[in-house]
Amino acid sequence: MNQLQALLNDSLIRTKHVENAAIIDIRERKVCASTFGFNVPPENALNLIYTFHKNLVQVRRGGLYFKEKHYKCVRADEHSIYLQNVHGGLIVVKTKTFILIATYRVGMYPSVCVEAVEKL
């Protein structure tokens, strides 16, 4: 397990606020760390990178497809997107070099999940 995977597990998964998480390296355009069993397909990673650079207005209006599920946008700004559907939610936070994506289940408090991801 590399340091980024350990950080995801220690800072997010163990808190029980986040179900799964992954870190995407923007420059390399690929996932560099993820929690156990959470596979982010390359096309989803590229779509998230593109979303922050060119597509944020469209995501605000129409939502986002991730891993073959549609998520409705609840909040979006230049650094974060908060989406949800009937199965749970998706939080995406962008820094200068990385995009952090995290999922949570229905019944979790979305604001706590968003806060945990943004702090990391």
C-alpha atoms as a PDB file:
ATOM      1  CA  MET A   1       0.000   0.000   0.000  1.00  0.00           C
ATOM      2  CA  ASN A   2       1.451   3.371  -0.933  1.00  0.00           C
ATOM      3  CA  GLN A   3       1.242   6.547   1.147  1.00  0.00           C
ATOM      4  CA  LEU A   4      -1.718   7.941  -0.789  1.00  0.00           C
ATOM      5  CA  GLN A   5      -3.727   4.752  -0.265  1.00  0.00           C
ATOM      6  CA  ALA A   6      -2.883   4.840   3.434  1.00  0.00           C
ATOM      7  CA  LEU A   7      -4.014   8.471   3.581  1.00  0.00           C
ATOM      8  CA  LEU A   8      -7.341   7.611   1.946  1.00  0.00           C
ATOM      9  CA  ASN A   9      -7.926   4.741   4.359  1.00  0.00           C
ATOM     10  CA  ASP A  10      -6.849   6.613   7.484  1.00  0.00           C
ATOM     11  CA  SER A  11      -8.456   9.973   6.739  1.00  0.00           C
ATOM     12  CA  LEU A  12     -11.650   8.946   4.987  1.00  0.00           C
ATOM     13  CA  ILE A  13     -12.624   5.295   5.116  1.00  0.00           C
ATOM     14  CA  ARG A  14     -11.976   4.727   8.810  1.00  0.00           C
ATOM     15  CA  THR A  15     -14.213   7.676   9.684  1.00  0.00           C
ATOM     16  CA  LYS A  16     -17.138   5.742   8.130  1.00  0.00           C
ATOM     17  CA  HIS A  17     -18.312   8.945   6.397  1.00  0.00           C
ATOM     18  CA  VAL A  18     -16.989   7.891   3.003  1.00  0.00           C
ATOM     19  CA  GLU A  19     -17.610   4.537   1.322  1.00  0.00           C
ATOM     20  CA  ASN A  20     -14.883   4.584  -1.374  1.00  0.00           C
ATOM     21  CA  ALA A  21     -12.290   7.063  -2.572  1.00  0.00           C
ATOM     22  CA  ALA A  22      -9.670   7.562  -5.260  1.00  0.00           C
ATOM     23  CA  ILE A  23      -7.061  10.136  -6.194  1.00  0.00           C
ATOM     24  CA  ILE A  24      -6.555  11.082  -9.835  1.00  0.00           C
ATOM     25  CA  ASP A  25      -3.296  12.686 -10.943  1.00  0.00           C
ATOM     26  CA  ILE A  26      -4.351  15.469 -13.320  1.00  0.00           C
ATOM     27  CA  ARG A  27      -1.029  15.752 -15.120  1.00  0.00           C
ATOM     28  CA  GLU A  28      -0.653  11.994 -15.676  1.00  0.00           C
ATOM     29  CA  ARG A  29      -4.409  11.627 -16.370  1.00  0.00           C
ATOM     30  CA  LYS A  30      -4.780   8.458 -14.321  1.00  0.00           C
ATOM     31  CA  VAL A  31      -5.757   7.126 -10.915  1.00  0.00           C
ATOM     32  CA  CYS A  32      -2.710   7.052  -8.647  1.00  0.00           C
ATOM     33  CA  ALA A  33      -4.405   5.639  -5.522  1.00  0.00           C
ATOM     34  CA  SER A  34      -7.746   4.190  -4.524  1.00  0.00           C
ATOM     35  CA  THR A  35      -9.338   2.379  -1.650  1.00  0.00           C
ATOM     36  CA  PHE A  36      -9.548  -1.410  -1.777  1.00  0.00           C
ATOM     37  CA  GLY A  37     -11.921  -2.622  -4.479  1.00  0.00           C
ATOM     38  CA  PHE A  38     -12.745   0.837  -5.866  1.00  0.00           C
ATOM     39  CA  ASN A  39     -11.930   0.861  -9.546  1.00  0.00           C
ATOM     40  CA  VAL A  40     -12.270   4.148 -11.425  1.00  0.00           C
ATOM     41  CA  PRO A  41     -12.284   3.379 -15.151  1.00  0.00           C
ATOM     42  CA  PRO A  42      -9.825   5.497 -17.207  1.00  0.00           C
ATOM     43  CA  GLU A  43     -12.681   7.109 -19.155  1.00  0.00           C
ATOM     44  CA  ASN A  44     -14.306   8.238 -15.880  1.00  0.00           C
ATOM     45  CA  ALA A  45     -11.005   9.705 -14.663  1.00  0.00           C
ATOM     46  CA  LEU A  46     -10.591  11.649 -17.916  1.00  0.00           C
ATOM     47  CA  ASN A  47     -14.213  12.802 -17.767  1.00  0.00           C
ATOM     48  CA  LEU A  48     -13.699  14.216 -14.261  1.00  0.00           C
ATOM     49  CA  ILE A  49     -10.570  16.088 -15.361  1.00  0.00           C
ATOM     50  CA  TYR A  50     -12.428  17.479 -18.376  1.00  0.00           C
ATOM     51  CA  THR A  51     -15.399  18.447 -16.197  1.00  0.00           C
ATOM     52  CA  PHE A  52     -13.345  20.890 -14.146  1.00  0.00           C
ATOM     53  CA  HIS A  53     -11.654  22.430 -17.167  1.00  0.00           C
ATOM     54  CA  LYS A  54     -14.462  22.794 -19.677  1.00  0.00           C
ATOM     55  CA  ASN A  55     -17.715  21.229 -18.562  1.00  0.00           C
ATOM     56  CA  LEU A  56     -18.686  22.551 -15.106  1.00  0.00           C
ATOM     57  CA  VAL A  57     -21.742  24.521 -16.308  1.00  0.00           C
ATOM     58  CA  GLN A  58     -23.108  21.442 -18.082  1.00  0.00           C
ATOM     59  CA  VAL A  59     -22.602  19.318 -14.949  1.00  0.00           C
ATOM     60  CA  ARG A  60     -24.492  21.893 -12.887  1.00  0.00           C
ATOM     61  CA  ARG A  61     -27.433  21.636 -15.276  1.00  0.00           C
ATOM     62  CA  GLY A  62     -27.470  17.986 -16.300  1.00  0.00           C
ATOM     63  CA  GLY A  63     -25.508  16.112 -13.668  1.00  0.00           C
ATOM     64  CA  LEU A  64     -22.774  13.573 -14.331  1.00  0.00           C
ATOM     65  CA  TYR A  65     -22.505   9.912 -15.279  1.00  0.00           C
ATOM     66  CA  PHE A  66     -19.989   7.979 -13.187  1.00  0.00           C
ATOM     67  CA  LYS A  67     -19.562   4.222 -13.413  1.00  0.00           C
ATOM     68  CA  GLU A  68     -22.769   3.900 -15.431  1.00  0.00           C
ATOM     69  CA  LYS A  69     -24.914   5.736 -12.874  1.00  0.00           C
ATOM     70  CA  HIS A  70     -26.375   9.209 -13.256  1.00  0.00           C
ATOM     71  CA  TYR A  71     -25.804  11.697 -10.448  1.00  0.00           C
ATOM     72  CA  LYS A  72     -27.691  14.975 -10.080  1.00  0.00           C
ATOM     73  CA  CYS A  73     -25.585  18.017  -9.225  1.00  0.00           C
ATOM     74  CA  VAL A  74     -26.389  19.527  -5.845  1.00  0.00           C
ATOM     75  CA  ARG A  75     -23.477  21.969  -5.621  1.00  0.00           C
ATOM     76  CA  ALA A  76     -20.577  22.881  -7.883  1.00  0.00           C
ATOM     77  CA  ASP A  77     -17.827  25.460  -7.958  1.00  0.00           C
ATOM     78  CA  GLU A  78     -14.385  25.632  -9.525  1.00  0.00           C
ATOM     79  CA  HIS A  79     -12.885  23.353  -6.841  1.00  0.00           C
ATOM     80  CA  SER A  80     -15.645  20.920  -5.856  1.00  0.00           C
ATOM     81  CA  ILE A  81     -18.722  19.108  -7.102  1.00  0.00           C
ATOM     82  CA  TYR A  82     -21.299  17.433  -4.901  1.00  0.00           C
ATOM     83  CA  LEU A  83     -23.687  15.029  -6.659  1.00  0.00           C
ATOM     84  CA  GLN A  84     -26.243  12.473  -5.556  1.00  0.00           C
ATOM     85  CA  ASN A  85     -28.724   9.865  -6.757  1.00  0.00           C
ATOM     86  CA  VAL A  86     -31.027   7.320  -5.112  1.00  0.00           C
ATOM     87  CA  HIS A  87     -28.071   5.050  -4.261  1.00  0.00           C
ATOM     88  CA  GLY A  88     -25.896   7.659  -2.552  1.00  0.00           C
ATOM     89  CA  GLY A  89     -23.608  10.476  -3.409  1.00  0.00           C
ATOM     90  CA  LEU A  90     -20.425  11.461  -5.116  1.00  0.00           C
ATOM     91  CA  ILE A  91     -18.027  14.179  -3.986  1.00  0.00           C
ATOM     92  CA  VAL A  92     -15.290  15.446  -6.273  1.00  0.00           C
ATOM     93  CA  VAL A  93     -12.644  17.920  -5.109  1.00  0.00           C
ATOM     94  CA  LYS A  94      -9.917  19.404  -7.320  1.00  0.00           C
ATOM     95  CA  THR A  95      -6.560  20.736  -6.215  1.00  0.00           C
ATOM     96  CA  LYS A  96      -3.783  22.034  -8.449  1.00  0.00           C
ATOM     97  CA  THR A  97      -2.420  18.538  -9.144  1.00  0.00           C
ATOM     98  CA  PHE A  98      -5.063  16.037  -8.017  1.00  0.00           C
ATOM     99  CA  ILE A  99      -8.752  15.251  -8.139  1.00  0.00           C
ATOM    100  CA  LEU A 100     -10.141  13.395  -5.142  1.00  0.00           C
ATOM    101  CA  ILE A 101     -13.353  11.476  -5.690  1.00  0.00           C
ATOM    102  CA  ALA A 102     -15.336   9.835  -2.905  1.00  0.00           C
ATOM    103  CA  THR A 103     -18.641   7.982  -2.696  1.00  0.00           C
ATOM    104  CA  TYR A 104     -21.049   7.590   0.187  1.00  0.00           C
ATOM    105  CA  ARG A 105     -24.203   5.560   0.787  1.00  0.00           C
ATOM    106  CA  VAL A 106     -27.790   6.694   1.248  1.00  0.00           C
ATOM    107  CA  GLY A 107     -28.377   7.502   4.889  1.00  0.00           C
ATOM    108  CA  MET A 108     -25.020   9.175   5.410  1.00  0.00           C
ATOM    109  CA  TYR A 109     -24.968  12.887   6.134  1.00  0.00           C
ATOM    110  CA  PRO A 110     -23.826  14.498   2.864  1.00  0.00           C
ATOM    111  CA  SER A 111     -22.446  17.595   4.564  1.00  0.00           C
ATOM    112  CA  VAL A 112     -20.177  15.472   6.769  1.00  0.00           C
ATOM    113  CA  CYS A 113     -18.932  13.529   3.724  1.00  0.00           C
ATOM    114  CA  VAL A 114     -18.236  16.737   1.796  1.00  0.00           C
ATOM    115  CA  GLU A 115     -16.413  18.223   4.794  1.00  0.00           C
ATOM    116  CA  ALA A 116     -14.257  15.112   5.292  1.00  0.00           C
ATOM    117  CA  VAL A 117     -13.207  15.057   1.630  1.00  0.00           C
ATOM    118  CA  GLU A 118     -12.541  18.794   1.450  1.00  0.00           C
ATOM    119  CA  LYS A 119     -10.377  18.660   4.592  1.00  0.00           C
ATOM    120  CA  LEU A 120      -8.277  15.858   3.139  1.00  0.00           C
END
